[in-house]
């Protein structure tokens, strides 16, 4: 059993290092444009978040990407959706299942919908358990009939959420949030009350260092991502590319399942994440990077508290403020 919702990339999370037939959350941004010599007002939009507009030279507050010239105002969210199916229909824990996603355009469901390649894939599919203790990042591939399919195995009974992240050709980025039920009695939910800003995978470790040492709402946060091998810090630029980026970072809120998928840039050998979070609460994050021919995945837990709105204080060496990149 499943339920799908189409939403624009955004909502309560604004992360830059850069959502459901349920309700949707769309990011808000002041709409501004740049006048050309002929007097025409040219719009600049984020290629990842088309609802974010600004003037030439601006960067997106959600993902840090430079705004691109786009006089068209794509309304991909609410126009396109993913038709989801599973084979077998009844999903059993620990058993292989084939997930099928077919992009559709509302009002023209019989038409084929072309997708752009983004970070080497046409669809990025993020799977998480309801308690956010389990995570997977897979990529459906085109099959007959216009569907994209991918094998998956869910580890235990219970509720799961799938985030299908894609970009229809000529439109903006869309994320469909799909609810999936796996047969059986779900195990007790794991608790993530303790903050976790570092982790290891093989010989590698990854540590998040927020300027000021705290994660709070209502103010731009600057977070450095420090990679070490064998306990010694290494230049993040030396990592191999993974899907067209040095790293992929996914952040999901525990209660509302708000989602963000970003690609931090590298400044002075460290990953550079800029974040603004509007609601306090618990967030789970995962970073993925490619090193020594292995895709490493490290999880984090953010306990975000209500802030005062004052800028974060630079924590000195190791703080993201020391490694600005925009």
Protein backbone atom coordinates (compact mmCIF):
# COMPACT_ATOMS: atom_id res chain seq x y z
CA UNK A 1 0.00 0.00 0.00
CA UNK A 2 1.37 3.37 -0.88
CA UNK A 3 0.51 7.03 -1.23
CA UNK A 4 2.22 9.62 -3.37
CA UNK A 5 2.63 13.33 -2.92
CA UNK A 6 4.35 15.77 -5.26
CA UNK A 7 6.15 18.73 -3.73
CA UNK A 8 8.78 21.23 -4.63
CA UNK A 9 12.25 20.89 -3.13
CA UNK A 10 12.14 23.01 0.00
CA UNK A 11 9.77 23.38 2.97
CA UNK A 12 11.05 23.81 6.49
CA UNK A 13 14.61 22.99 5.49
CA UNK A 14 16.93 25.34 3.73
CA UNK A 15 20.28 23.63 3.28
CA UNK A 16 23.13 24.89 1.21
CA UNK A 17 26.26 22.93 0.96
CA UNK A 18 23.02 22.70 -2.05
CA UNK A 19 8.46 17.04 -1.56
CA UNK A 20 3.46 14.60 -1.86
CA UNK A 21 -1.42 12.96 -3.51
CA UNK A 22 -0.84 14.37 0.36
CA UNK A 23 -0.18 17.96 1.29
CA UNK A 24 2.72 19.90 -0.12
CA UNK A 25 5.22 22.38 1.18
CA UNK A 26 6.86 24.84 -1.13
CA UNK A 27 9.78 27.06 -0.36
CA UNK A 28 9.25 30.78 -0.42
CA UNK A 29 11.58 33.38 -1.78
CA UNK A 30 11.47 37.04 -2.71
CA UNK A 31 10.90 37.25 -6.47
CA UNK A 32 13.29 39.64 -8.11
CA UNK A 33 14.73 39.97 -11.60
CA UNK A 34 17.41 41.71 -13.55
CA UNK A 35 16.69 44.30 -16.27
CA UNK A 36 18.44 43.88 -19.58
CA UNK A 37 19.54 46.73 -21.82
CA UNK A 38 16.28 46.47 -23.77
CA UNK A 39 14.30 47.04 -20.59
CA UNK A 40 13.08 43.44 -20.42
CA UNK A 41 13.13 42.01 -16.91
CA UNK A 42 15.16 38.80 -16.96
CA UNK A 43 14.50 36.24 -14.25
CA UNK A 44 17.22 34.16 -12.63
CA UNK A 45 16.27 30.87 -11.00
CA UNK A 46 17.97 28.08 -9.13
CA UNK A 47 18.33 25.04 -11.39
CA UNK A 48 17.59 22.79 -8.40
CA UNK A 49 14.87 24.91 -6.79
CA UNK A 50 12.94 26.79 -9.52
CA UNK A 51 10.78 28.55 -6.96
CA UNK A 52 13.87 30.47 -5.85
CA UNK A 53 14.46 33.55 -7.99
CA UNK A 54 16.82 36.49 -7.78
CA UNK A 55 19.18 38.64 -9.76
CA UNK A 56 22.24 37.80 -11.78
CA UNK A 57 25.09 36.66 -9.53
CA UNK A 58 22.86 35.54 -6.66
CA UNK A 59 23.13 32.07 -5.16
CA UNK A 60 20.34 29.82 -3.93
CA UNK A 61 19.89 29.92 -0.13
CA UNK A 62 18.83 26.27 -0.21
CA UNK A 63 21.63 24.64 -2.16
CA UNK A 64 24.25 27.31 -2.79
CA UNK A 65 24.08 26.99 -6.57
CA UNK A 66 24.38 30.10 -8.71
CA UNK A 67 21.05 31.26 -10.14
CA UNK A 68 20.72 30.74 -13.89
CA UNK A 69 18.99 32.91 -16.47
CA UNK A 70 15.44 31.59 -17.01
CA UNK A 71 12.63 33.83 -18.25
CA UNK A 72 10.29 30.87 -18.16
CA UNK A 73 8.66 30.08 -14.84
CA UNK A 74 8.48 26.28 -14.69
CA UNK A 75 5.78 24.88 -12.45
CA UNK A 76 6.95 21.30 -12.32
CA UNK A 77 5.68 20.70 -8.80
CA UNK A 78 1.98 20.00 -9.03
CA UNK A 79 2.19 19.34 -12.79
CA UNK A 80 4.21 16.14 -12.86
CA UNK A 81 3.98 13.07 -10.67
CA UNK A 82 5.36 9.55 -10.43
CA UNK A 83 3.03 6.59 -10.93
CA UNK A 84 4.35 4.02 -8.47
CA UNK A 85 3.98 0.25 -8.42
CA UNK A 86 5.68 -2.70 -6.75
CA UNK A 87 6.09 -6.28 -7.95
CA UNK A 88 4.98 -8.24 -6.04
CA UNK A 89 2.28 -5.83 -4.84
CA UNK A 90 2.48 -7.15 -1.28
CA UNK A 91 5.98 -6.29 -0.13
CA UNK A 92 7.53 -8.73 2.34
CA UNK A 93 10.51 -7.92 4.59
CA UNK A 94 13.82 -9.33 3.47
CA UNK A 95 12.43 -10.36 0.06
CA UNK A 96 13.42 -8.77 -3.25
CA UNK A 97 10.85 -6.48 -4.85
CA UNK A 98 10.90 -4.52 -8.08
CA UNK A 99 9.92 -0.89 -7.72
CA UNK A 100 8.47 0.81 -10.80
CA UNK A 101 8.16 4.57 -11.28
CA UNK A 102 6.56 6.12 -14.37
CA UNK A 103 6.68 9.91 -14.75
CA UNK A 104 3.31 11.41 -15.69
CA UNK A 105 1.97 14.86 -16.49
CA UNK A 106 -1.32 15.78 -14.86
CA UNK A 107 -4.04 16.24 -17.44
CA UNK A 108 -1.99 14.45 -20.08
CA UNK A 109 -1.34 11.10 -18.45
CA UNK A 110 -1.07 9.24 -21.77
CA UNK A 111 1.90 11.33 -22.90
CA UNK A 112 5.46 10.19 -22.35
CA UNK A 113 7.47 12.40 -20.02
CA UNK A 114 11.16 12.82 -20.73
CA UNK A 115 13.53 13.27 -17.82
CA UNK A 116 16.83 15.11 -17.73
CA UNK A 117 19.99 13.47 -16.49
CA UNK A 118 20.96 15.06 -13.19
CA UNK A 119 24.13 13.94 -11.45
CA UNK A 120 24.49 11.09 -13.92
CA UNK A 121 21.01 9.62 -13.28
CA UNK A 122 17.44 10.44 -14.33
CA UNK A 123 15.94 9.46 -10.98
CA UNK A 124 17.52 9.47 -7.55
CA UNK A 125 15.39 7.30 -5.25
CA UNK A 126 15.95 7.68 -1.51
CA UNK A 127 14.40 5.04 0.76
CA UNK A 128 14.10 5.43 4.54
CA UNK A 129 12.35 3.59 7.34
CA UNK A 130 9.74 5.48 9.33
CA UNK A 131 12.12 5.95 12.29
CA UNK A 132 14.94 6.98 9.89
CA UNK A 133 17.21 4.22 11.18
CA UNK A 134 17.56 2.70 7.68
CA UNK A 135 18.57 4.49 4.48
CA UNK A 136 19.21 3.56 0.87
CA UNK A 137 19.97 5.59 -2.26
CA UNK A 138 19.22 3.76 -5.52
CA UNK A 139 18.59 4.65 -9.15
CA UNK A 140 15.75 3.26 -11.26
CA UNK A 141 16.67 2.66 -14.90
CA UNK A 142 14.48 3.08 -17.96
CA UNK A 143 12.47 0.02 -18.99
CA UNK A 144 9.75 -0.74 -21.52
CA UNK A 145 6.52 1.22 -21.40
CA UNK A 146 8.07 4.40 -20.06
CA UNK A 147 8.66 3.08 -16.56
CA UNK A 148 11.87 3.20 -14.58
CA UNK A 149 12.52 0.12 -12.46
CA UNK A 150 14.92 -0.88 -9.73
CA UNK A 151 15.24 -3.89 -7.39
CA UNK A 152 15.03 -3.24 -3.65
CA UNK A 153 14.83 -5.15 -0.39
CA UNK A 154 13.27 -3.71 2.75
CA UNK A 155 14.90 -5.06 5.90
CA UNK A 156 11.91 -5.23 8.29
CA UNK A 157 8.13 -4.85 8.46
CA UNK A 158 6.64 -1.39 8.87
CA UNK A 159 6.26 1.92 7.10
CA UNK A 160 8.82 3.36 4.73
CA UNK A 161 9.09 6.54 2.71
CA UNK A 162 10.53 6.82 -0.78
CA UNK A 163 11.63 10.17 -2.19
CA UNK A 164 11.77 10.15 -6.01
CA UNK A 165 13.98 13.07 -7.03
CA UNK A 166 13.84 13.95 -10.75
CA UNK A 167 13.63 16.75 -13.31
CA UNK A 168 11.17 16.65 -16.23
CA UNK A 169 12.73 18.06 -19.39
CA UNK A 170 11.83 21.73 -19.60
CA UNK A 171 10.57 21.84 -16.04
CA UNK A 172 11.94 22.28 -12.57
CA UNK A 173 13.07 19.72 -10.04
CA UNK A 174 10.35 17.62 -8.43
CA UNK A 175 10.39 15.28 -5.46
CA UNK A 176 7.56 12.78 -5.04
CA UNK A 177 7.14 11.45 -1.53
CA UNK A 178 5.78 7.89 -1.64
CA UNK A 179 4.52 5.99 1.39
CA UNK A 180 5.27 2.27 1.32
CA UNK A 181 3.98 -0.44 3.66
CA UNK A 182 5.97 -3.63 4.25
CA UNK A 183 3.91 -6.52 5.61
CA UNK A 184 4.20 -7.58 9.23
CA UNK A 185 4.48 -6.04 12.65
CA UNK A 186 7.01 -3.24 12.72
CA UNK A 187 9.82 -3.49 15.27
CA UNK A 188 10.07 -0.89 18.01
CA UNK A 189 11.23 2.44 16.64
CA UNK A 190 14.80 3.39 17.34
CA UNK A 191 15.40 6.59 19.27
CA UNK A 192 17.74 9.32 18.09
CA UNK A 193 17.74 11.67 21.04
CA UNK A 194 21.51 12.02 21.15
CA UNK A 195 23.18 14.28 18.63
CA UNK A 196 25.67 12.60 16.31
CA UNK A 197 27.85 14.81 14.13
CA UNK A 198 30.56 12.33 13.17
CA UNK A 199 30.89 8.76 12.02
CA UNK A 200 33.16 6.27 10.33
CA UNK A 201 33.13 3.94 7.35
CA UNK A 202 36.11 1.67 6.91
CA UNK A 203 39.29 3.75 7.21
CA UNK A 204 37.38 6.99 6.69
CA UNK A 205 35.65 9.31 9.10
CA UNK A 206 33.47 12.35 8.43
CA UNK A 207 32.83 15.08 10.99
CA UNK A 208 30.44 18.02 10.78
CA UNK A 209 31.68 21.14 12.54
CA UNK A 210 29.02 23.85 12.83
CA UNK A 211 30.32 27.37 13.43
CA UNK A 212 29.47 28.27 17.00
CA UNK A 213 29.11 24.60 17.87
CA UNK A 214 25.30 24.59 17.76
CA UNK A 215 22.51 23.82 15.31
CA UNK A 216 19.74 26.36 15.78
CA UNK A 217 16.79 27.68 13.78
CA UNK A 218 16.29 31.03 12.16
CA UNK A 219 19.85 31.91 11.21
CA UNK A 220 22.22 30.85 8.44
CA UNK A 221 24.45 28.07 9.74
CA UNK A 222 27.91 27.37 8.38
CA UNK A 223 29.08 23.79 8.69
CA UNK A 224 32.43 22.34 7.72
CA UNK A 225 32.68 18.70 6.65
CA UNK A 226 36.04 17.23 7.65
CA UNK A 227 37.16 13.96 6.07
CA UNK A 228 39.88 11.86 7.66
CA UNK A 229 41.60 8.67 6.60
CA UNK A 230 43.30 6.62 9.30
CA UNK A 231 42.74 9.51 11.71
CA UNK A 232 44.50 12.06 9.51
CA UNK A 233 42.60 14.82 7.74
CA UNK A 234 42.67 14.65 3.96
CA UNK A 235 41.75 17.11 1.24
CA UNK A 236 38.15 16.41 0.17
CA UNK A 237 39.21 17.21 -3.39
CA UNK A 238 41.20 13.97 -3.43
CA UNK A 239 38.03 11.89 -3.14
CA UNK A 240 36.73 10.32 -6.34
CA UNK A 241 33.57 11.72 -7.85
CA UNK A 242 30.31 9.98 -6.96
CA UNK A 243 27.43 10.71 -9.33
CA UNK A 244 29.04 13.92 -10.52
CA UNK A 245 29.92 15.34 -7.11
CA UNK A 246 32.49 14.89 -4.38
CA UNK A 247 29.70 14.03 -1.92
CA UNK A 248 25.92 13.77 -1.63
CA UNK A 249 24.17 14.82 1.57
CA UNK A 250 20.55 13.94 2.42
CA UNK A 251 18.73 15.51 5.35
CA UNK A 252 15.26 14.40 6.52
CA UNK A 253 13.19 15.62 9.46
CA UNK A 254 12.05 12.83 11.77
CA UNK A 255 8.45 13.96 12.33
CA UNK A 256 7.38 15.60 9.08
CA UNK A 257 9.70 13.71 6.71
CA UNK A 258 10.80 16.90 4.99
CA UNK A 259 13.60 16.11 2.56
CA UNK A 260 16.64 17.78 1.10
CA UNK A 261 19.34 16.32 -1.16
CA UNK A 262 22.37 18.53 -1.63
CA UNK A 263 25.88 18.45 -3.01
CA UNK A 264 28.36 20.33 -0.80
CA UNK A 265 31.19 22.13 -2.48
CA UNK A 266 34.80 21.94 -1.34
CA UNK A 267 36.67 24.96 0.02
CA UNK A 268 40.21 24.79 1.32
CA UNK A 269 40.13 21.00 1.40
CA UNK A 270 36.92 20.73 3.44
CA UNK A 271 33.29 20.33 2.50
CA UNK A 272 31.35 23.55 2.91
CA UNK A 273 27.69 23.38 3.89
CA UNK A 274 25.47 26.40 4.46
CA UNK A 275 22.20 25.70 6.21
CA UNK A 276 19.12 27.52 7.44
CA UNK A 277 16.57 25.49 9.39
CA UNK A 278 13.21 27.00 10.28
CA UNK A 279 11.75 24.42 12.67
CA UNK A 280 13.40 22.86 15.72
CA UNK A 281 13.44 19.10 16.07
CA UNK A 282 15.36 15.97 15.22
CA UNK A 283 16.82 15.53 11.76
CA UNK A 284 18.65 12.56 10.31
CA UNK A 285 21.36 13.02 7.72
CA UNK A 286 23.51 10.80 5.51
CA UNK A 287 26.62 11.68 3.57
CA UNK A 288 27.87 9.51 0.72
CA UNK A 289 31.26 9.74 -0.93
CA UNK A 290 33.54 7.62 -3.10
CA UNK A 291 36.97 6.65 -1.80
CA UNK A 292 39.25 3.79 -2.79
CA UNK A 293 36.59 2.41 -5.11
CA UNK A 294 34.00 2.12 -2.32
CA UNK A 295 30.86 4.18 -1.75
CA UNK A 296 30.93 5.17 1.91
CA UNK A 297 27.73 6.10 3.76
CA UNK A 298 27.86 7.80 7.17
CA UNK A 299 24.81 8.82 9.17
CA UNK A 300 24.23 11.82 11.44
CA UNK A 301 21.64 13.03 13.92
CA UNK A 302 20.93 16.73 14.30
CA UNK A 303 19.10 18.03 17.35
CA UNK A 304 18.08 21.51 16.21
CA UNK A 305 17.00 23.95 18.91
CA UNK A 306 15.10 27.23 18.61
CA UNK A 307 17.51 30.05 17.91
CA UNK A 308 17.50 33.76 18.65
CA UNK A 309 18.10 34.79 15.06
CA UNK A 310 21.61 36.04 15.85
CA UNK A 311 24.37 34.94 13.45
CA UNK A 312 26.41 31.94 14.47
CA UNK A 313 29.76 32.74 16.03
CA UNK A 314 32.80 31.48 14.17
CA UNK A 315 34.31 28.62 16.16
CA UNK A 316 37.81 29.26 14.88
CA UNK A 317 39.89 26.61 13.11
CA UNK A 318 37.66 23.82 11.90
CA UNK A 319 34.55 25.98 11.68
CA UNK A 320 32.85 26.28 8.33
CA UNK A 321 33.29 30.02 8.52
CA UNK A 322 36.99 29.47 7.94
CA UNK A 323 36.29 27.80 4.64
CA UNK A 324 33.84 30.00 2.74
CA UNK A 325 33.16 29.13 -0.87
CA UNK A 326 30.48 31.38 -2.30
